[in-house]
Protein backbone atom coordinates (compact mmCIF):
# COMPACT_ATOMS: atom_id res chain seq x y z
CA UNK A 1 221.75 -246.79 208.55
CA UNK A 2 224.66 -246.85 206.12
CA UNK A 3 222.58 -248.43 203.37
CA UNK A 4 220.05 -245.64 203.79
CA UNK A 5 222.61 -242.92 203.13
CA UNK A 6 223.99 -244.81 200.17
CA UNK A 7 220.48 -245.01 198.77
CA UNK A 8 219.91 -241.31 199.32
CA UNK A 9 223.23 -240.49 197.74
CA UNK A 10 222.47 -242.78 194.79
CA UNK A 11 219.04 -241.17 194.38
CA UNK A 12 220.60 -237.71 194.47
CA UNK A 13 223.11 -238.79 191.83
CA UNK A 14 220.31 -240.04 189.56
CA UNK A 15 218.38 -236.80 190.12
CA UNK A 16 221.44 -234.75 189.24
CA UNK A 17 222.21 -236.89 186.17
CA UNK A 18 218.68 -236.59 184.75
CA UNK A 19 218.59 -232.85 185.54
CA UNK A 20 222.02 -232.29 183.95
CA UNK A 21 220.91 -234.21 180.87
CA UNK A 22 217.77 -232.06 180.61
CA UNK A 23 219.76 -228.82 180.96
CA UNK A 24 222.31 -229.95 178.38
CA UNK A 25 219.56 -230.83 175.88
CA UNK A 26 217.16 -227.93 176.47
CA UNK A 27 219.50 -225.21 177.77
CA UNK A 28 219.91 -223.30 174.48
CA UNK A 29 216.15 -223.13 173.88
CA UNK A 30 215.52 -222.06 177.46
CA UNK A 31 218.24 -219.41 177.24
CA UNK A 32 216.52 -217.98 174.15
CA UNK A 33 213.31 -217.75 176.14
CA UNK A 34 215.13 -216.07 179.03
CA UNK A 35 216.83 -213.72 176.57
CA UNK A 36 213.42 -212.79 175.22
CA UNK A 37 212.30 -211.76 178.69
CA UNK A 38 215.31 -209.61 179.55
CA UNK A 39 217.20 -206.68 178.11
CA UNK A 40 220.66 -208.28 177.91
CA UNK A 41 222.48 -211.61 177.75
CA UNK A 42 223.86 -211.40 181.29
CA UNK A 43 220.42 -210.84 182.81
CA UNK A 44 219.08 -213.72 180.69
CA UNK A 45 221.79 -216.07 181.96
CA UNK A 46 221.07 -215.03 185.56
CA UNK A 47 217.34 -215.46 185.02
CA UNK A 48 217.80 -218.93 183.52
CA UNK A 49 220.16 -219.97 186.31
CA UNK A 50 217.61 -218.91 188.92
CA UNK A 51 214.78 -220.73 187.13
CA UNK A 52 216.89 -223.88 186.73
CA UNK A 53 217.82 -223.75 190.42
CA UNK A 54 214.12 -223.64 191.30
CA UNK A 55 213.51 -226.52 188.89
CA UNK A 56 216.31 -228.62 190.39
CA UNK A 57 214.94 -228.10 193.91
CA UNK A 58 211.51 -229.29 192.71
CA UNK A 59 212.87 -232.02 190.38
CA UNK A 60 211.65 -234.94 192.51
CA UNK A 61 208.16 -233.38 192.85
CA UNK A 62 207.64 -232.80 189.12
CA UNK A 63 205.46 -235.71 188.11
CA UNK A 64 205.50 -235.35 184.32
CA UNK A 65 209.02 -234.74 183.07
CA UNK A 66 207.60 -234.33 179.55
CA UNK A 67 206.21 -230.99 180.78
CA UNK A 68 209.55 -229.67 182.07
CA UNK A 69 209.82 -226.90 179.48
CA UNK A 70 206.51 -225.49 180.67
CA UNK A 71 207.65 -225.71 184.28
CA UNK A 72 210.91 -223.89 183.52
CA UNK A 73 209.11 -221.27 181.38
CA UNK A 74 206.78 -220.65 184.28
CA UNK A 75 209.77 -220.32 186.64
CA UNK A 76 211.40 -217.89 184.17
CA UNK A 77 208.29 -215.75 183.91
CA UNK A 78 207.56 -215.84 187.66
CA UNK A 79 211.14 -214.87 188.49
CA UNK A 80 211.09 -212.09 185.91
CA UNK A 81 207.71 -210.89 187.18
CA UNK A 82 209.18 -210.64 190.69
CA UNK A 83 211.99 -208.55 189.24
CA UNK A 84 209.51 -206.31 187.38
CA UNK A 85 207.62 -205.63 190.57
CA UNK A 86 210.81 -204.45 192.22
CA UNK A 87 211.65 -201.85 189.60
CA UNK A 88 209.96 -199.16 187.53
CA UNK A 89 208.76 -200.15 184.06
CA UNK A 90 209.38 -197.66 181.26
CA UNK A 91 207.23 -197.35 178.17
CA UNK A 92 208.37 -195.90 174.87
CA UNK A 93 205.84 -194.02 172.79
CA UNK A 94 206.19 -193.83 169.00
CA UNK A 95 204.36 -191.45 166.67
CA UNK A 96 203.88 -193.20 163.30
CA UNK A 97 202.42 -196.52 162.12
CA UNK A 98 204.50 -198.63 159.71
CA UNK A 99 202.90 -199.82 156.50
CA UNK A 100 202.40 -203.59 156.23
CA UNK A 101 204.83 -205.53 154.06
CA UNK A 102 203.09 -206.82 150.90
CA UNK A 103 205.70 -209.26 149.69
CA UNK A 104 208.29 -211.20 151.67
CA UNK A 105 211.83 -209.85 151.50
CA UNK A 106 214.10 -211.91 149.30
CA UNK A 107 217.45 -210.44 150.31
CA UNK A 108 218.78 -212.25 153.42
CA UNK A 109 220.55 -209.06 154.55
CA UNK A 110 217.27 -207.12 154.39
CA UNK A 111 215.52 -209.92 156.27
CA UNK A 112 218.17 -209.74 158.99
CA UNK A 113 217.82 -205.96 159.22
CA UNK A 114 214.07 -206.39 159.63
CA UNK A 115 214.51 -209.10 162.29
CA UNK A 116 216.96 -206.87 164.17
CA UNK A 117 214.60 -203.89 163.95
CA UNK A 118 211.71 -206.04 165.18
CA UNK A 119 213.75 -207.35 168.08
CA UNK A 120 214.84 -203.82 169.03
CA UNK A 121 211.20 -202.71 168.95
CA UNK A 122 210.16 -205.68 171.09
CA UNK A 123 212.88 -204.83 173.61
CA UNK A 124 211.32 -201.36 173.98
CA UNK A 125 208.01 -202.85 175.13
CA UNK A 126 207.23 -202.90 178.84
CA UNK A 127 208.48 -206.16 180.37
CA UNK A 128 205.05 -207.73 180.85
CA UNK A 129 203.92 -206.95 177.28
CA UNK A 130 207.27 -208.19 175.98
CA UNK A 131 206.81 -211.48 177.84
CA UNK A 132 203.36 -211.95 176.35
CA UNK A 133 204.52 -211.16 172.80
CA UNK A 134 207.50 -213.50 173.17
CA UNK A 135 205.39 -216.34 174.51
CA UNK A 136 202.69 -215.84 171.85
CA UNK A 137 204.81 -215.25 168.76
CA UNK A 138 208.34 -216.49 169.48
CA UNK A 139 207.42 -219.49 171.63
CA UNK A 140 204.21 -220.01 169.60
CA UNK A 141 201.99 -220.52 172.64
CA UNK A 142 198.24 -220.01 172.35
CA UNK A 143 196.50 -217.21 174.26
CA UNK A 144 195.27 -219.80 176.76
CA UNK A 145 198.77 -221.27 177.24
CA UNK A 146 200.27 -217.80 177.58
CA UNK A 147 197.67 -216.90 180.20
CA UNK A 148 198.44 -220.12 182.11
CA UNK A 149 202.21 -219.52 182.05
CA UNK A 150 201.81 -215.93 183.25
CA UNK A 151 199.01 -216.67 185.70
CA UNK A 152 196.64 -214.12 184.17
CA UNK A 153 193.32 -214.28 182.34
CA UNK A 154 193.04 -214.87 178.60
CA UNK A 155 191.43 -211.42 178.32
CA UNK A 156 194.50 -209.85 179.92
CA UNK A 157 196.71 -211.60 177.37
CA UNK A 158 194.49 -210.47 174.49
CA UNK A 159 194.41 -206.83 175.57
CA UNK A 160 198.11 -206.63 176.48
CA UNK A 161 199.20 -208.28 173.21
CA UNK A 162 196.90 -205.96 171.28
CA UNK A 163 198.48 -202.93 172.97
CA UNK A 164 201.96 -204.32 172.38
CA UNK A 165 201.27 -204.93 168.68
CA UNK A 166 199.97 -201.37 168.43
CA UNK A 167 203.24 -200.10 169.87
CA UNK A 168 205.22 -202.26 167.46
CA UNK A 169 203.23 -200.86 164.54
CA UNK A 170 204.17 -197.36 165.72
CA UNK A 171 207.91 -198.04 165.96
CA UNK A 172 209.80 -195.88 163.43
CA UNK A 173 212.48 -198.56 162.90
CA UNK A 174 209.85 -200.87 161.42
CA UNK A 175 208.66 -198.40 158.83
CA UNK A 176 209.42 -199.15 155.18
CA UNK A 177 210.36 -195.57 154.30
CA UNK A 178 212.93 -195.16 157.06
């Protein structure tokens, strides 16, 4: 009986060590994803902690540890979706379309201003649209992968991303003449 508990304890230690190693290596990337799904850093940290807790509980059942990022992303999105369902989602309507940029900005300060304006506009999107835009364009997932992560159809991803991009085009902070 004693050897059995030692074995279980040893197995738990190995599980914890491999999980801790994964979190140490991938934590910053996963936090960026969580941050993309929430409106502030504290919520992102809470969201990631919840997703990692779910991942740790399932660690032994996850067959392909090369697919862990996908598993954690799915846990992030599922957890955030549960949160969305519990609260009202606000939408922000904008009146004007920005003109497309013809040439890339050369000034790093202008580039940073544009990135900040884009991020602010993305944060105004409804949570579900924001998640789809983040997964498609920040995480560089395909429409099919995004649909799989969110548990929706590819058509839902296409239409929601199209609506979200329309809203981003309308955001006054992204206009050249502002």
